[in-house]
C-alpha atoms as a PDB file:
ATOM      1  CA  MET A   1     -15.801  -9.404   0.190  1.00  0.00           C
ATOM      2  CA  ASN A   2     -12.965  -7.670  -1.632  1.00  0.00           C
ATOM      3  CA  PRO A   3     -10.782  -5.496   0.569  1.00  0.00           C
ATOM      4  CA  TYR A   4     -10.259  -1.823  -0.205  1.00  0.00           C
ATOM      5  CA  ILE A   5      -6.535  -1.371  -0.847  1.00  0.00           C
ATOM      6  CA  THR A   6      -4.576   1.838  -1.359  1.00  0.00           C
ATOM      7  CA  ILE A   7      -0.843   1.839  -2.094  1.00  0.00           C
ATOM      8  CA  TYR A   8       1.048   5.060  -1.461  1.00  0.00           C
ATOM      9  CA  THR A   9       4.033   5.237  -3.812  1.00  0.00           C
ATOM     10  CA  THR A  10       6.627   7.479  -5.421  1.00  0.00           C
ATOM     11  CA  THR A  11       7.638   7.531  -9.051  1.00  0.00           C
ATOM     12  CA  LEU A  12      11.123   6.031  -8.710  1.00  0.00           C
ATOM     13  CA  CYS A  13      10.439   3.518  -5.936  1.00  0.00           C
ATOM     14  CA  PRO A  14      11.442  -0.035  -6.926  1.00  0.00           C
ATOM     15  CA  VAL A  15       9.869  -1.539  -3.803  1.00  0.00           C
ATOM     16  CA  CYS A  16       6.568   0.137  -4.722  1.00  0.00           C
ATOM     17  CA  LYS A  17       6.704  -1.656  -8.061  1.00  0.00           C
ATOM     18  CA  MET A  18       7.277  -4.949  -6.235  1.00  0.00           C
ATOM     19  CA  VAL A  19       4.147  -4.484  -4.116  1.00  0.00           C
ATOM     20  CA  LYS A  20       2.053  -3.643  -7.187  1.00  0.00           C
ATOM     21  CA  GLN A  21       3.416  -6.634  -9.130  1.00  0.00           C
ATOM     22  CA  PHE A  22       2.746  -8.901  -6.149  1.00  0.00           C
ATOM     23  CA  LEU A  23      -0.879  -7.776  -5.916  1.00  0.00           C
ATOM     24  CA  ASP A  24      -1.273  -8.017  -9.690  1.00  0.00           C
ATOM     25  CA  THR A  25      -0.044 -11.635  -9.548  1.00  0.00           C
ATOM     26  CA  PHE A  26      -2.902 -12.461  -7.177  1.00  0.00           C
ATOM     27  CA  GLU A  27      -5.334 -10.344  -9.220  1.00  0.00           C
ATOM     28  CA  VAL A  28      -6.019  -8.080  -6.264  1.00  0.00           C
ATOM     29  CA  SER A  29      -7.327  -4.649  -7.226  1.00  0.00           C
ATOM     30  CA  TYR A  30      -5.932  -1.533  -5.595  1.00  0.00           C
ATOM     31  CA  LYS A  31      -5.785   2.225  -5.889  1.00  0.00           C
ATOM     32  CA  GLU A  32      -2.351   3.822  -6.292  1.00  0.00           C
ATOM     33  CA  VAL A  33      -1.621   7.248  -4.846  1.00  0.00           C
ATOM     34  CA  ASN A  34       1.678   8.790  -5.957  1.00  0.00           C
ATOM     35  CA  VAL A  35       2.840  11.133  -3.187  1.00  0.00           C
ATOM     36  CA  ASP A  36       5.374  12.802  -5.523  1.00  0.00           C
ATOM     37  CA  ILE A  37       2.436  14.455  -7.248  1.00  0.00           C
ATOM     38  CA  ASN A  38       0.666  15.601  -4.085  1.00  0.00           C
ATOM     39  CA  PRO A  39       2.908  16.575  -1.136  1.00  0.00           C
ATOM     40  CA  LEU A  40      -0.145  17.241   1.051  1.00  0.00           C
ATOM     41  CA  VAL A  41      -1.075  13.563   0.789  1.00  0.00           C
ATOM     42  CA  LEU A  42       2.488  12.698   1.863  1.00  0.00           C
ATOM     43  CA  LEU A  43       2.118  14.822   4.996  1.00  0.00           C
ATOM     44  CA  LYS A  44      -1.188  13.137   5.836  1.00  0.00           C
ATOM     45  CA  LEU A  45       0.393   9.714   5.207  1.00  0.00           C
ATOM     46  CA  ILE A  46       3.252  10.487   7.588  1.00  0.00           C
ATOM     47  CA  GLY A  47       0.702  11.588  10.176  1.00  0.00           C
ATOM     48  CA  LYS A  48      -1.221   8.305   9.868  1.00  0.00           C
ATOM     49  CA  THR A  49       1.709   5.890   9.693  1.00  0.00           C
ATOM     50  CA  ARG A  50       4.484   7.781  11.504  1.00  0.00           C
ATOM     51  CA  LYS A  51       6.803   6.547   8.735  1.00  0.00           C
ATOM     52  CA  LEU A  52       8.755   8.509   6.131  1.00  0.00           C
ATOM     53  CA  SER A  53       9.098   5.668   3.643  1.00  0.00           C
ATOM     54  CA  VAL A  54       7.072   4.202   0.804  1.00  0.00           C
ATOM     55  CA  PRO A  55       5.394   2.017  -0.117  1.00  0.00           C
ATOM     56  CA  GLN A  56       2.719   2.179   2.531  1.00  0.00           C
ATOM     57  CA  THR A  57      -0.237  -0.067   1.819  1.00  0.00           C
ATOM     58  CA  GLU A  58      -3.572   0.451   3.546  1.00  0.00           C
ATOM     59  CA  ILE A  59      -5.914  -2.539   3.526  1.00  0.00           C
ATOM     60  CA  ASN A  60      -9.305  -1.785   5.079  1.00  0.00           C
ATOM     61  CA  GLY A  61      -7.631   0.526   7.608  1.00  0.00           C
ATOM     62  CA  LYS A  62      -4.661  -1.713   8.420  1.00  0.00           C
ATOM     63  CA  TRP A  63      -1.174  -0.679   7.302  1.00  0.00           C
ATOM     64  CA  VAL A  64       1.648  -2.702   5.749  1.00  0.00           C
ATOM     65  CA  SER A  65       4.991  -0.951   5.345  1.00  0.00           C
ATOM     66  CA  GLY A  66       7.394  -1.827   2.567  1.00  0.00           C
ATOM     67  CA  PHE A  67       7.228  -5.157   0.747  1.00  0.00           C
ATOM     68  CA  ASP A  68       6.148  -7.879   3.158  1.00  0.00           C
ATOM     69  CA  PRO A  69       4.390 -10.601   1.116  1.00  0.00           C
ATOM     70  CA  GLU A  70       3.352 -12.676   4.119  1.00  0.00           C
ATOM     71  CA  LYS A  71       1.820  -9.729   5.948  1.00  0.00           C
ATOM     72  CA  LEU A  72       0.122  -8.453   2.778  1.00  0.00           C
ATOM     73  CA  LEU A  73      -1.570 -11.815   2.198  1.00  0.00           C
ATOM     74  CA  LYS A  74      -2.502 -12.176   5.856  1.00  0.00           C
ATOM     75  CA  VAL A  75      -4.150  -8.757   6.046  1.00  0.00           C
ATOM     76  CA  ILE A  76      -5.903  -9.249   2.687  1.00  0.00           C
ATOM     77  CA  ASN A  77      -7.266 -12.643   3.747  1.00  0.00           C
ATOM     78  CA  GLU A  78      -8.449 -11.239   7.084  1.00  0.00           C
ATOM     79  CA  ALA A  79     -10.207  -8.393   5.244  1.00  0.00           C
ATOM     80  CA  ARG A  80     -12.019 -10.875   2.982  1.00  0.00           C
ATOM     81  CA  LYS A  81     -13.695 -12.645   5.929  1.00  0.00           C
END
């Protein structure tokens, strides 16, 4: 089963680009939500994660902050089971 992945990003975030490129390398599909465009989404994101930084990646309800390749792969593989 393919996991449902959402990446919360900002326009000028280089680390956000790294996460997207990493997932693209493994041909993992995701939805991108740019919080620059919708500040209300940013407030909700902060409420869920208690973090002020991006990227925040949600994989089937589990969160990965920043660019952590090992954790991203681990959570994706767990979600596929």
